[in-house]
Amino acid sequence: MPGPMARRIDVTGAGGVRLAAWEFGDPPKTDHGDPVRDAAAGQGDRGFSGVLLLHGLMGRASHWAPTARWLSGRHRAVALDQRGHGRSEKPPRASFTREAYVEDAEAAVEQLGLGPAVLIGHAMGALTAWQLAAKRPDLVRGLIVCDMRASALGAASQREWTEWFRAWPVPFATLADVRKWFGEDDPWVERPNPARGEFYAEVMAESPDGWRPVFEPEQMLKSRETWVYDAHWEELAQVRCPTLVVRGLDGELGRAEAQEMVRVLPRGQYAEVADAGHLVHYDQPEAWRAAIEPFLESLREG
């Protein structure tokens, strides 16, 4: 759940879907003591800029809370609950296409006055971020891609996910059961991973019969099938702004593919985080911050 410091801001996404955006820290102050909304909107040159944080599939804005609070010393950092996720709307007949997700992120940058923004995306959120950067270079001044592959994952991958959702022992009796299943008992877990257990505990809500995810698994599969059959190299090649590709050493993005992504990006850079799996920012928050800080500094100087 978003912490006590979180402030909710409503955004209207594609097709009128209501989205919840969250600020987890106070925006930095200008020399005059005013919150630097005007600087975030591109007025003023003190190095302040807007940052939009985009979670991955099944995630929520609050997964970014530690990163956003850290960023808020120098940026106006806002994390978005994407459609079907967190506190944002989950209309049964809403569109879960790539276009809808990208338009939502575009709407958030524009409605919150963050542009030209730094986009930081994890997994699916990273794909949304680089598709937005390719579509609207005027809105994006820098991009951080965390553990997302550009290659097609294919039909077998989608079938595996369908079966995986069916294997969840929902409802969970307690949050401790959630942590144990996703951190230890889930057949996808190779060795105990408490951070993974915490990650999933964060996306559960109590219902009369126990704990269930705040999202509809069906909507997650629908969202996923709009990208897994395609490769996304062409959009990467269209990203003009400086871009940092970050991978966890044990994540889903292999080193060779990550380095090829950096090569394809016109202004690509590479970083990796040791002892981290797919949930890089969640597994190793300090190492994650150390990996992205030099890149953020270079954007301030550039």
Protein backbone atom coordinates (compact mmCIF):
# COMPACT_ATOMS: atom_id res chain seq x y z
CA MET A 1 0.00 0.00 0.00
CA PRO A 2 1.20 3.54 -0.64
CA GLY A 3 2.85 4.89 2.51
CA PRO A 4 1.73 7.87 4.57
CA MET A 5 3.83 10.25 2.46
CA ALA A 6 2.00 9.32 -0.74
CA ARG A 7 -0.23 11.88 -2.42
CA ARG A 8 -2.69 10.67 -5.03
CA ILE A 9 -3.25 12.63 -8.24
CA ASP A 10 -5.91 11.54 -10.71
CA VAL A 11 -5.07 11.21 -14.38
CA THR A 12 -7.50 10.53 -17.23
CA GLY A 13 -6.04 7.89 -19.50
CA ALA A 14 -6.94 6.60 -22.97
CA GLY A 15 -10.66 6.02 -23.45
CA GLY A 16 -11.42 7.94 -20.24
CA VAL A 17 -9.99 5.27 -17.90
CA ARG A 18 -9.27 6.85 -14.48
CA LEU A 19 -5.68 6.33 -13.38
CA ALA A 20 -4.07 6.92 -9.98
CA ALA A 21 -0.66 8.63 -9.96
CA TRP A 22 1.33 8.93 -6.73
CA GLU A 23 3.92 11.35 -5.40
CA PHE A 24 5.91 9.70 -2.60
CA GLY A 25 7.97 12.70 -1.54
CA ASP A 26 7.63 16.46 -1.53
CA PRO A 27 8.78 18.01 -4.80
CA PRO A 28 12.08 19.88 -4.54
CA LYS A 29 11.95 23.60 -3.79
CA THR A 30 13.30 26.40 -5.95
CA ASP A 31 15.43 29.19 -4.49
CA HIS A 32 12.18 31.05 -3.88
CA GLY A 33 10.83 28.20 -1.78
CA ASP A 34 8.12 27.24 -4.27
CA PRO A 35 7.56 23.64 -5.31
CA VAL A 36 9.19 23.39 -8.67
CA ARG A 37 6.20 22.47 -10.77
CA ASP A 38 7.15 25.22 -13.23
CA ALA A 39 10.70 23.88 -13.48
CA ALA A 40 9.35 20.36 -13.97
CA ALA A 41 7.29 21.74 -16.83
CA GLY A 42 10.49 22.93 -18.48
CA GLN A 43 10.73 26.46 -17.10
CA GLY A 44 13.92 27.22 -15.27
CA ASP A 45 17.31 25.56 -15.61
CA ARG A 46 18.22 24.45 -12.10
CA GLY A 47 18.50 20.82 -13.15
CA PHE A 48 15.09 19.86 -11.78
CA SER A 49 13.02 17.65 -14.03
CA GLY A 50 9.93 15.52 -13.91
CA VAL A 51 10.28 11.75 -13.57
CA LEU A 52 7.55 9.25 -14.38
CA LEU A 53 7.99 5.76 -12.92
CA LEU A 54 6.20 2.86 -14.63
CA HIS A 55 5.87 -0.52 -12.87
CA GLY A 56 5.81 -3.90 -14.58
CA LEU A 57 2.96 -6.33 -15.19
CA MET A 58 1.09 -7.04 -11.91
CA GLY A 59 3.05 -4.27 -10.17
CA ARG A 60 1.84 -1.02 -8.66
CA ALA A 61 3.15 2.48 -8.10
CA SER A 62 4.08 1.78 -4.47
CA HIS A 63 6.75 -0.69 -5.63
CA TRP A 64 8.61 2.47 -6.68
CA ALA A 65 8.16 4.28 -3.33
CA PRO A 66 11.81 4.01 -2.12
CA THR A 67 13.14 5.05 -5.55
CA ALA A 68 10.63 7.92 -5.82
CA ARG A 69 11.42 9.24 -2.34
CA TRP A 70 15.14 9.15 -3.15
CA LEU A 71 14.53 10.95 -6.45
CA SER A 72 12.31 13.60 -4.88
CA GLY A 73 15.34 15.48 -3.53
CA ARG A 74 16.14 16.60 -7.07
CA HIS A 75 13.13 15.73 -9.21
CA ARG A 76 9.39 15.80 -9.17
CA ALA A 77 8.97 12.02 -9.13
CA VAL A 78 5.53 10.53 -9.85
CA ALA A 79 4.70 6.82 -10.08
CA LEU A 80 1.67 5.70 -12.08
CA ASP A 81 -0.68 2.82 -11.33
CA GLN A 82 -1.21 1.64 -14.89
CA ARG A 83 -4.64 0.57 -16.14
CA GLY A 84 -5.81 -2.66 -14.53
CA HIS A 85 -3.24 -2.24 -11.74
CA GLY A 86 -3.09 -0.82 -8.20
CA ARG A 87 -5.75 1.82 -7.52
CA SER A 88 -6.36 2.63 -11.18
CA GLU A 89 -9.57 1.59 -12.89
CA LYS A 90 -9.98 -1.97 -14.13
CA PRO A 91 -12.97 -1.70 -16.49
CA PRO A 92 -13.96 -5.18 -17.72
CA ARG A 93 -14.16 -4.03 -21.33
CA ALA A 94 -11.23 -1.60 -21.29
CA SER A 95 -8.53 -1.83 -23.91
CA PHE A 96 -5.28 -3.42 -22.75
CA THR A 97 -3.36 -2.81 -25.97
CA ARG A 98 0.16 -1.39 -26.14
CA GLU A 99 -1.35 1.79 -27.59
CA ALA A 100 -3.61 2.23 -24.56
CA TYR A 101 -0.73 1.81 -22.09
CA VAL A 102 1.45 4.24 -24.06
CA GLU A 103 -1.35 6.81 -24.33
CA ASP A 104 -1.90 6.53 -20.57
CA ALA A 105 1.77 7.32 -19.89
CA GLU A 106 1.62 10.18 -22.40
CA ALA A 107 -1.49 11.55 -20.63
CA ALA A 108 0.27 11.32 -17.25
CA VAL A 109 3.32 13.28 -18.46
CA GLU A 110 1.11 15.96 -20.05
CA GLN A 111 -1.56 16.26 -17.35
CA LEU A 112 1.01 16.36 -14.53
CA GLY A 113 3.27 18.85 -16.35
CA LEU A 114 6.30 16.55 -16.09
CA GLY A 115 7.64 16.95 -19.62
CA PRO A 116 10.23 16.73 -20.91
CA ALA A 117 10.47 13.93 -18.37
CA VAL A 118 12.84 11.16 -17.43
CA LEU A 119 10.96 7.86 -17.79
CA ILE A 120 11.96 4.94 -15.57
CA GLY A 121 10.29 1.66 -16.41
CA HIS A 122 10.51 -1.89 -15.11
CA ALA A 123 9.64 -4.83 -17.40
CA MET A 124 6.33 -4.03 -19.16
CA GLY A 125 6.61 -0.45 -17.86
CA ALA A 126 10.00 -0.17 -19.58
CA LEU A 127 8.48 -1.22 -22.89
CA THR A 128 5.74 1.39 -22.42
CA ALA A 129 8.45 3.96 -21.64
CA TRP A 130 10.53 3.28 -24.74
CA GLN A 131 7.45 3.16 -26.97
CA LEU A 132 6.42 6.57 -25.61
CA ALA A 133 9.96 7.94 -26.08
CA ALA A 134 9.85 6.77 -29.73
CA LYS A 135 6.38 8.25 -30.28
CA ARG A 136 6.82 11.58 -28.45
CA PRO A 137 10.50 12.58 -28.28
CA ASP A 138 9.37 16.07 -27.22
CA LEU A 139 8.04 14.63 -23.93
CA VAL A 140 11.06 12.50 -22.95
CA ARG A 141 14.57 13.73 -22.12
CA GLY A 142 15.97 10.51 -20.70
CA LEU A 143 14.98 6.88 -20.29
CA ILE A 144 15.90 4.04 -17.92
CA VAL A 145 14.92 0.54 -19.06
CA CYS A 146 15.01 -2.03 -16.26
CA ASP A 147 15.08 -5.76 -17.10
CA MET A 148 12.88 -5.81 -20.22
CA ARG A 149 13.66 -7.82 -23.33
CA ALA A 150 13.28 -6.43 -26.86
CA SER A 151 12.98 -9.89 -28.46
CA ALA A 152 9.69 -11.74 -28.96
CA LEU A 153 8.92 -14.18 -26.13
CA GLY A 154 6.41 -16.23 -28.12
CA ALA A 155 3.40 -18.47 -27.63
CA ALA A 156 5.08 -20.95 -25.26
CA SER A 157 5.79 -18.13 -22.83
CA GLN A 158 2.14 -17.01 -22.87
CA ARG A 159 0.97 -20.59 -22.22
CA GLU A 160 3.38 -20.88 -19.28
CA TRP A 161 1.95 -17.70 -17.76
CA THR A 162 -1.62 -18.92 -18.20
CA GLU A 163 -0.76 -22.14 -16.37
CA TRP A 164 1.18 -20.24 -13.69
CA PHE A 165 -1.83 -18.06 -12.82
CA ARG A 166 -3.94 -21.22 -12.52
CA ALA A 167 -1.42 -22.64 -10.04
CA TRP A 168 -1.84 -19.78 -7.53
CA PRO A 169 -3.47 -21.13 -4.36
CA VAL A 170 -5.96 -18.25 -4.08
CA PRO A 171 -7.38 -17.06 -1.82
CA PHE A 172 -4.38 -16.95 0.52
CA ALA A 173 -5.35 -17.21 4.19
CA THR A 174 -2.80 -14.62 5.37
CA LEU A 175 -0.18 -12.25 3.96
CA ALA A 176 2.46 -14.55 5.47
CA ASP A 177 1.10 -17.29 3.19
CA VAL A 178 1.42 -14.93 0.22
CA ARG A 179 5.06 -14.17 1.13
CA LYS A 180 5.87 -17.85 1.61
CA TRP A 181 4.26 -19.03 -1.63
CA PHE A 182 5.79 -16.38 -3.91
CA GLY A 183 9.07 -16.31 -2.01
CA GLU A 184 9.60 -20.09 -1.63
CA ASP A 185 6.87 -22.50 -2.76
CA ASP A 186 6.01 -21.15 -6.23
CA PRO A 187 7.49 -23.64 -8.76
CA TRP A 188 9.01 -20.66 -10.61
CA VAL A 189 11.24 -19.86 -7.60
CA GLU A 190 14.65 -21.53 -7.84
CA ARG A 191 15.83 -20.53 -4.38
CA PRO A 192 14.14 -18.65 -1.52
CA ASN A 193 13.58 -15.03 -2.51
CA PRO A 194 12.04 -12.91 0.28
CA ALA A 195 11.99 -9.77 -1.92
CA ARG A 196 9.75 -11.59 -4.39
CA GLY A 197 7.43 -12.61 -1.56
CA GLU A 198 7.21 -8.96 -0.44
CA PHE A 199 6.63 -7.78 -4.00
CA TYR A 200 3.54 -9.97 -4.32
CA ALA A 201 2.30 -9.23 -0.80
CA GLU A 202 2.16 -5.59 -1.94
CA VAL A 203 -0.35 -6.44 -4.70
CA MET A 204 -2.80 -8.38 -2.53
CA ALA A 205 -5.96 -7.06 -0.89
CA GLU A 206 -8.08 -8.63 1.82
CA SER A 207 -11.44 -9.99 0.70
CA PRO A 208 -14.08 -11.81 2.77
CA ASP A 209 -12.52 -15.22 2.03
CA GLY A 210 -8.83 -14.27 2.26
CA TRP A 211 -6.18 -12.40 0.28
CA ARG A 212 -6.49 -11.99 -3.47
CA PRO A 213 -4.58 -9.93 -6.08
CA VAL A 214 -5.77 -6.36 -6.66
CA PHE A 215 -5.71 -7.11 -10.41
CA GLU A 216 -7.64 -9.56 -12.59
CA PRO A 217 -5.27 -12.28 -13.87
CA GLU A 218 -7.32 -12.34 -17.09
CA GLN A 219 -6.53 -8.66 -17.70
CA MET A 220 -2.84 -9.31 -17.03
CA LEU A 221 -2.77 -12.08 -19.66
CA LYS A 222 -4.64 -9.81 -22.07
CA SER A 223 -2.08 -7.04 -21.47
CA ARG A 224 0.81 -9.43 -21.92
CA GLU A 225 -0.42 -10.99 -25.16
CA THR A 226 -0.23 -7.57 -26.84
CA TRP A 227 3.57 -7.63 -26.66
CA VAL A 228 4.92 -11.18 -26.27
CA TYR A 229 4.47 -12.24 -29.90
CA ASP A 230 6.41 -9.25 -31.30
CA ALA A 231 9.98 -8.05 -31.13
CA HIS A 232 10.47 -4.38 -30.22
CA TRP A 233 13.88 -3.53 -31.73
CA GLU A 234 12.50 -1.01 -34.23
CA GLU A 235 10.98 1.18 -31.51
CA LEU A 236 14.26 1.02 -29.56
CA ALA A 237 16.11 2.31 -32.63
CA GLN A 238 13.70 5.27 -32.75
CA VAL A 239 14.48 6.41 -29.19
CA ARG A 240 16.57 9.59 -29.57
CA CYS A 241 17.18 10.49 -25.93
CA PRO A 242 19.98 9.10 -23.70
CA THR A 243 18.89 5.65 -22.49
CA LEU A 244 20.28 3.42 -19.75
CA VAL A 245 19.60 -0.33 -20.01
CA VAL A 246 19.82 -1.95 -16.55
CA ARG A 247 19.68 -5.68 -15.89
CA GLY A 248 19.82 -7.83 -12.80
CA LEU A 249 22.58 -10.41 -13.07
CA ASP A 250 19.97 -13.17 -12.52
CA GLY A 251 17.14 -11.31 -14.23
CA GLU A 252 15.17 -12.17 -17.36
CA LEU A 253 17.20 -9.93 -19.67
CA GLY A 254 20.44 -11.71 -20.63
CA ARG A 255 23.71 -9.80 -20.94
CA ALA A 256 24.08 -10.40 -24.71
CA GLU A 257 20.57 -9.13 -25.44
CA ALA A 258 21.00 -6.15 -23.11
CA GLN A 259 24.21 -5.17 -24.88
CA GLU A 260 22.55 -5.56 -28.27
CA MET A 261 19.76 -3.23 -27.04
CA VAL A 262 22.43 -0.68 -26.07
CA ARG A 263 23.98 -1.02 -29.53
CA VAL A 264 20.62 -0.51 -31.28
CA LEU A 265 19.74 2.54 -29.16
CA PRO A 266 21.16 5.72 -30.73
CA ARG A 267 22.35 6.92 -27.29
CA GLY A 268 22.39 3.72 -25.24
CA GLN A 269 24.34 2.96 -22.06
CA TYR A 270 24.57 -0.22 -19.98
CA ALA A 271 24.51 -1.09 -16.27
CA GLU A 272 24.03 -4.31 -14.36
CA VAL A 273 23.23 -5.02 -10.73
CA ALA A 274 24.85 -8.02 -9.02
CA ASP A 275 22.82 -10.32 -6.75
CA ALA A 276 19.58 -9.09 -8.31
CA GLY A 277 16.92 -11.02 -10.19
CA HIS A 278 14.12 -9.60 -12.32
CA LEU A 279 12.90 -7.26 -9.55
CA VAL A 280 16.15 -5.29 -9.60
CA HIS A 281 14.93 -2.15 -7.79
CA TYR A 282 13.16 -4.29 -5.20
CA ASP A 283 15.89 -6.94 -4.70
CA GLN A 284 18.81 -4.52 -4.33
CA PRO A 285 17.54 -0.97 -3.78
CA GLU A 286 20.93 0.53 -2.89
CA ALA A 287 22.79 -1.09 -5.78
CA TRP A 288 19.94 -0.07 -8.09
CA ARG A 289 20.25 3.56 -7.01
CA ALA A 290 24.05 3.41 -7.45
CA ALA A 291 23.56 2.03 -10.98
CA ILE A 292 21.20 4.80 -12.13
CA GLU A 293 22.62 7.81 -10.27
CA PRO A 294 25.54 8.58 -12.67
CA PHE A 295 23.13 8.45 -15.61
CA LEU A 296 20.68 10.84 -13.92
CA GLU A 297 23.59 13.16 -13.08
CA SER A 298 24.71 13.16 -16.72
CA LEU A 299 21.19 14.25 -17.76
CA ARG A 300 21.37 17.16 -15.32
CA GLU A 301 24.71 18.24 -16.78
CA GLY A 302 23.74 17.61 -20.40
